[in-house]
Amino acid sequence: VDGARTYPSPFRPGQGATGITFDRIPADTPVRIYTVDGRPVKTLTTDSDGKALWNMTNGEESPVVSGVYLAIIEKDGTRMKLRVVVQQ
């Protein structure tokens, strides 16, 4: 997971983005998204190409608010944290 990346960050829907993409991650890897104070938001799983798209909703499929979120990616004993910014 060392090469993982995310884009666009910051996410700005007014600039044509439909979500945030996580990629360069092994297939079938969970991407856990949290608020900066540690509350779980949503868990994604990468596809066979090593990508996952966050559609800017939480686990109940309600839109998330603007702010900073943390994505935790863990696979085979390695762990990476990525910070993503949402500007709705």
N, C-alpha and C. Protein backbone atom coordinates (compact mmCIF):
# COMPACT_ATOMS: atom_id res chain seq x y z
N VAL A 1 0.81 -1.21 0.00
CA VAL A 1 0.00 0.00 0.00
C VAL A 1 0.85 1.26 0.00
N ASP A 2 2.17 1.09 -0.02
CA ASP A 2 3.05 2.25 0.07
C ASP A 2 2.87 3.24 -1.08
N GLY A 3 2.44 2.80 -2.24
CA GLY A 3 2.29 3.70 -3.37
C GLY A 3 0.90 4.29 -3.52
N ALA A 4 0.03 4.06 -2.55
CA ALA A 4 -1.36 4.53 -2.65
C ALA A 4 -1.42 6.05 -2.82
N ARG A 5 -2.41 6.47 -3.59
CA ARG A 5 -2.63 7.90 -3.76
C ARG A 5 -4.13 8.16 -3.86
N THR A 6 -4.49 9.43 -3.75
CA THR A 6 -5.89 9.83 -3.83
C THR A 6 -5.99 11.12 -4.63
N TYR A 7 -7.07 11.25 -5.36
CA TYR A 7 -7.30 12.46 -6.15
C TYR A 7 -8.77 12.58 -6.52
N PRO A 8 -9.31 13.74 -6.77
CA PRO A 8 -8.71 15.03 -6.47
C PRO A 8 -8.83 15.33 -4.98
N SER A 9 -7.86 15.99 -4.45
CA SER A 9 -7.90 16.46 -3.07
C SER A 9 -7.23 17.83 -3.05
N PRO A 10 -7.98 18.87 -2.80
CA PRO A 10 -9.33 18.84 -2.27
C PRO A 10 -10.38 18.46 -3.33
N PHE A 11 -11.44 17.83 -2.84
CA PHE A 11 -12.58 17.50 -3.68
C PHE A 11 -13.47 18.73 -3.74
N ARG A 12 -13.74 19.19 -4.96
CA ARG A 12 -14.63 20.34 -5.19
C ARG A 12 -15.62 19.96 -6.29
N PRO A 13 -16.87 19.66 -5.93
CA PRO A 13 -17.82 19.20 -6.94
C PRO A 13 -18.08 20.23 -8.04
N GLY A 14 -17.92 21.50 -7.75
CA GLY A 14 -18.13 22.52 -8.76
C GLY A 14 -17.11 22.49 -9.88
N GLN A 15 -16.04 21.72 -9.72
CA GLN A 15 -15.01 21.62 -10.75
C GLN A 15 -15.13 20.32 -11.54
N GLY A 16 -16.29 19.68 -11.48
CA GLY A 16 -16.56 18.52 -12.31
C GLY A 16 -16.26 17.16 -11.71
N ALA A 17 -15.69 17.11 -10.53
CA ALA A 17 -15.38 15.81 -9.91
C ALA A 17 -16.65 15.17 -9.38
N THR A 18 -16.74 13.84 -9.49
CA THR A 18 -17.91 13.11 -8.97
C THR A 18 -17.58 12.35 -7.71
N GLY A 19 -16.32 12.29 -7.34
CA GLY A 19 -15.90 11.58 -6.14
C GLY A 19 -14.40 11.62 -6.02
N ILE A 20 -13.90 10.97 -5.00
CA ILE A 20 -12.46 10.87 -4.78
C ILE A 20 -12.02 9.45 -5.11
N THR A 21 -10.99 9.34 -5.91
CA THR A 21 -10.45 8.04 -6.32
C THR A 21 -9.23 7.70 -5.47
N PHE A 22 -9.20 6.49 -4.98
CA PHE A 22 -8.03 5.91 -4.31
C PHE A 22 -7.46 4.89 -5.29
N ASP A 23 -6.17 4.96 -5.57
CA ASP A 23 -5.60 3.96 -6.48
C ASP A 23 -4.16 3.63 -6.11
N ARG A 24 -3.57 2.73 -6.95
CA ARG A 24 -2.25 2.15 -6.69
C ARG A 24 -2.25 1.34 -5.39
N ILE A 25 -3.34 0.62 -5.19
CA ILE A 25 -3.56 -0.19 -3.99
C ILE A 25 -3.83 -1.62 -4.46
N PRO A 26 -3.36 -2.64 -3.75
CA PRO A 26 -3.68 -4.02 -4.16
C PRO A 26 -5.20 -4.27 -4.23
N ALA A 27 -5.60 -5.16 -5.12
CA ALA A 27 -7.02 -5.51 -5.26
C ALA A 27 -7.57 -6.06 -3.95
N ASP A 28 -8.86 -5.85 -3.74
CA ASP A 28 -9.59 -6.35 -2.56
C ASP A 28 -9.03 -5.83 -1.24
N THR A 29 -8.54 -4.61 -1.24
CA THR A 29 -8.03 -3.99 -0.01
C THR A 29 -9.07 -3.02 0.53
N PRO A 30 -9.39 -3.10 1.82
CA PRO A 30 -10.33 -2.13 2.38
C PRO A 30 -9.69 -0.75 2.52
N VAL A 31 -10.48 0.26 2.21
CA VAL A 31 -10.11 1.67 2.42
C VAL A 31 -11.13 2.21 3.42
N ARG A 32 -10.69 2.44 4.64
CA ARG A 32 -11.59 2.89 5.70
C ARG A 32 -11.47 4.41 5.85
N ILE A 33 -12.59 5.09 5.74
CA ILE A 33 -12.61 6.55 5.81
C ILE A 33 -13.19 6.97 7.15
N TYR A 34 -12.49 7.92 7.79
CA TYR A 34 -12.88 8.41 9.11
C TYR A 34 -12.88 9.93 9.12
N THR A 35 -13.63 10.51 10.07
CA THR A 35 -13.49 11.94 10.34
C THR A 35 -12.18 12.13 11.07
N VAL A 36 -11.70 13.36 11.17
CA VAL A 36 -10.42 13.58 11.84
C VAL A 36 -10.48 13.26 13.33
N ASP A 37 -11.69 13.23 13.91
CA ASP A 37 -11.80 12.85 15.32
C ASP A 37 -12.07 11.35 15.50
N GLY A 38 -11.91 10.57 14.42
CA GLY A 38 -11.94 9.11 14.53
C GLY A 38 -13.27 8.43 14.32
N ARG A 39 -14.31 9.17 13.95
CA ARG A 39 -15.60 8.52 13.70
C ARG A 39 -15.62 7.87 12.32
N PRO A 40 -16.04 6.61 12.22
CA PRO A 40 -16.09 5.94 10.92
C PRO A 40 -17.10 6.61 10.01
N VAL A 41 -16.73 6.75 8.74
CA VAL A 41 -17.61 7.36 7.75
C VAL A 41 -18.08 6.29 6.75
N LYS A 42 -17.12 5.58 6.15
CA LYS A 42 -17.46 4.59 5.13
C LYS A 42 -16.26 3.68 4.90
N THR A 43 -16.53 2.46 4.49
CA THR A 43 -15.47 1.54 4.08
C THR A 43 -15.70 1.16 2.62
N LEU A 44 -14.64 1.32 1.84
CA LEU A 44 -14.65 0.95 0.42
C LEU A 44 -13.73 -0.26 0.25
N THR A 45 -13.83 -0.94 -0.86
CA THR A 45 -12.92 -2.04 -1.19
C THR A 45 -12.42 -1.81 -2.61
N THR A 46 -11.11 -1.94 -2.79
CA THR A 46 -10.55 -1.73 -4.12
C THR A 46 -10.99 -2.83 -5.08
N ASP A 47 -11.09 -2.45 -6.35
CA ASP A 47 -11.46 -3.41 -7.38
C ASP A 47 -10.23 -4.15 -7.90
N SER A 48 -10.41 -4.93 -8.95
CA SER A 48 -9.30 -5.74 -9.47
C SER A 48 -8.18 -4.88 -10.05
N ASP A 49 -8.46 -3.62 -10.37
CA ASP A 49 -7.44 -2.69 -10.86
C ASP A 49 -6.75 -1.92 -9.73
N GLY A 50 -7.16 -2.19 -8.49
CA GLY A 50 -6.56 -1.51 -7.35
C GLY A 50 -7.09 -0.11 -7.12
N LYS A 51 -8.34 0.13 -7.55
CA LYS A 51 -8.97 1.44 -7.38
C LYS A 51 -10.26 1.32 -6.59
N ALA A 52 -10.59 2.42 -5.90
CA ALA A 52 -11.88 2.53 -5.22
C ALA A 52 -12.33 3.97 -5.36
N LEU A 53 -13.62 4.18 -5.64
CA LEU A 53 -14.17 5.52 -5.79
C LEU A 53 -15.09 5.81 -4.61
N TRP A 54 -14.79 6.89 -3.91
CA TRP A 54 -15.66 7.36 -2.83
C TRP A 54 -16.62 8.36 -3.44
N ASN A 55 -17.91 8.05 -3.39
CA ASN A 55 -18.92 8.90 -4.00
C ASN A 55 -19.39 10.02 -3.07
N MET A 56 -18.62 10.32 -2.06
CA MET A 56 -18.85 11.42 -1.13
C MET A 56 -20.09 11.23 -0.27
N THR A 57 -20.38 9.95 0.03
CA THR A 57 -21.47 9.63 0.95
C THR A 57 -20.92 8.84 2.12
N ASN A 58 -21.71 8.80 3.19
CA ASN A 58 -21.32 8.00 4.35
C ASN A 58 -21.92 6.60 4.20
N GLY A 59 -21.83 5.80 5.25
CA GLY A 59 -22.33 4.43 5.21
C GLY A 59 -23.81 4.31 4.97
N GLU A 60 -24.57 5.37 5.28
CA GLU A 60 -26.01 5.37 5.03
C GLU A 60 -26.36 6.00 3.69
N GLU A 61 -25.32 6.29 2.89
CA GLU A 61 -25.46 6.91 1.57
C GLU A 61 -25.97 8.35 1.62
N SER A 62 -25.78 9.04 2.75
CA SER A 62 -26.08 10.46 2.86
C SER A 62 -24.82 11.24 2.50
N PRO A 63 -24.97 12.40 1.87
CA PRO A 63 -23.78 13.19 1.49
C PRO A 63 -22.97 13.61 2.73
N VAL A 64 -21.65 13.59 2.59
CA VAL A 64 -20.79 14.05 3.68
C VAL A 64 -20.65 15.56 3.61
N VAL A 65 -20.24 16.15 4.72
CA VAL A 65 -20.06 17.59 4.80
C VAL A 65 -18.62 17.96 4.48
N SER A 66 -18.40 19.23 4.23
CA SER A 66 -17.04 19.71 3.99
C SER A 66 -16.17 19.44 5.21
N GLY A 67 -14.91 19.16 4.97
CA GLY A 67 -13.99 18.93 6.08
C GLY A 67 -12.82 18.08 5.66
N VAL A 68 -12.03 17.70 6.63
CA VAL A 68 -10.86 16.85 6.42
C VAL A 68 -11.22 15.45 6.89
N TYR A 69 -10.88 14.47 6.09
CA TYR A 69 -11.14 13.06 6.39
C TYR A 69 -9.82 12.29 6.29
N LEU A 70 -9.75 11.18 7.01
CA LEU A 70 -8.58 10.31 6.96
C LEU A 70 -8.98 8.99 6.32
N ALA A 71 -8.15 8.50 5.43
CA ALA A 71 -8.36 7.18 4.83
C ALA A 71 -7.24 6.28 5.33
N ILE A 72 -7.62 5.16 5.91
CA ILE A 72 -6.66 4.18 6.40
C ILE A 72 -6.70 2.97 5.47
N ILE A 73 -5.54 2.62 4.94
CA ILE A 73 -5.42 1.50 3.99
C ILE A 73 -4.46 0.50 4.61
N GLU A 74 -4.92 -0.74 4.82
CA GLU A 74 -4.09 -1.78 5.42
C GLU A 74 -4.17 -3.05 4.60
N LYS A 75 -3.01 -3.65 4.36
CA LYS A 75 -2.96 -4.92 3.62
C LYS A 75 -1.64 -5.61 3.94
N ASP A 76 -1.71 -6.87 4.29
CA ASP A 76 -0.52 -7.71 4.52
C ASP A 76 0.49 -7.07 5.47
N GLY A 77 0.00 -6.49 6.55
CA GLY A 77 0.89 -5.94 7.56
C GLY A 77 1.42 -4.54 7.28
N THR A 78 1.05 -3.96 6.16
CA THR A 78 1.45 -2.58 5.89
C THR A 78 0.24 -1.66 6.05
N ARG A 79 0.51 -0.43 6.42
CA ARG A 79 -0.57 0.52 6.69
C ARG A 79 -0.18 1.89 6.17
N MET A 80 -1.15 2.57 5.59
CA MET A 80 -0.92 3.92 5.11
C MET A 80 -2.11 4.79 5.47
N LYS A 81 -1.83 6.03 5.85
CA LYS A 81 -2.88 7.02 6.12
C LYS A 81 -2.80 8.09 5.04
N LEU A 82 -3.96 8.42 4.50
CA LEU A 82 -4.05 9.50 3.54
C LEU A 82 -5.06 10.53 4.04
N ARG A 83 -4.76 11.79 3.85
CA ARG A 83 -5.67 12.85 4.26
C ARG A 83 -6.36 13.36 3.00
N VAL A 84 -7.68 13.49 3.08
CA VAL A 84 -8.44 14.04 1.97
C VAL A 84 -9.28 15.21 2.46
N VAL A 85 -9.44 16.20 1.60
CA VAL A 85 -10.18 17.41 1.94
C VAL A 85 -11.40 17.48 1.05
N VAL A 86 -12.56 17.74 1.67
CA VAL A 86 -13.82 17.87 0.94
C VAL A 86 -14.31 19.30 1.09
N GLN A 87 -14.55 19.97 -0.04
CA GLN A 87 -15.10 21.32 -0.04
C GLN A 87 -16.37 21.29 -0.85
N GLN A 88 -17.50 21.07 -0.17
CA GLN A 88 -18.80 20.98 -0.85
C GLN A 88 -19.32 22.35 -1.25
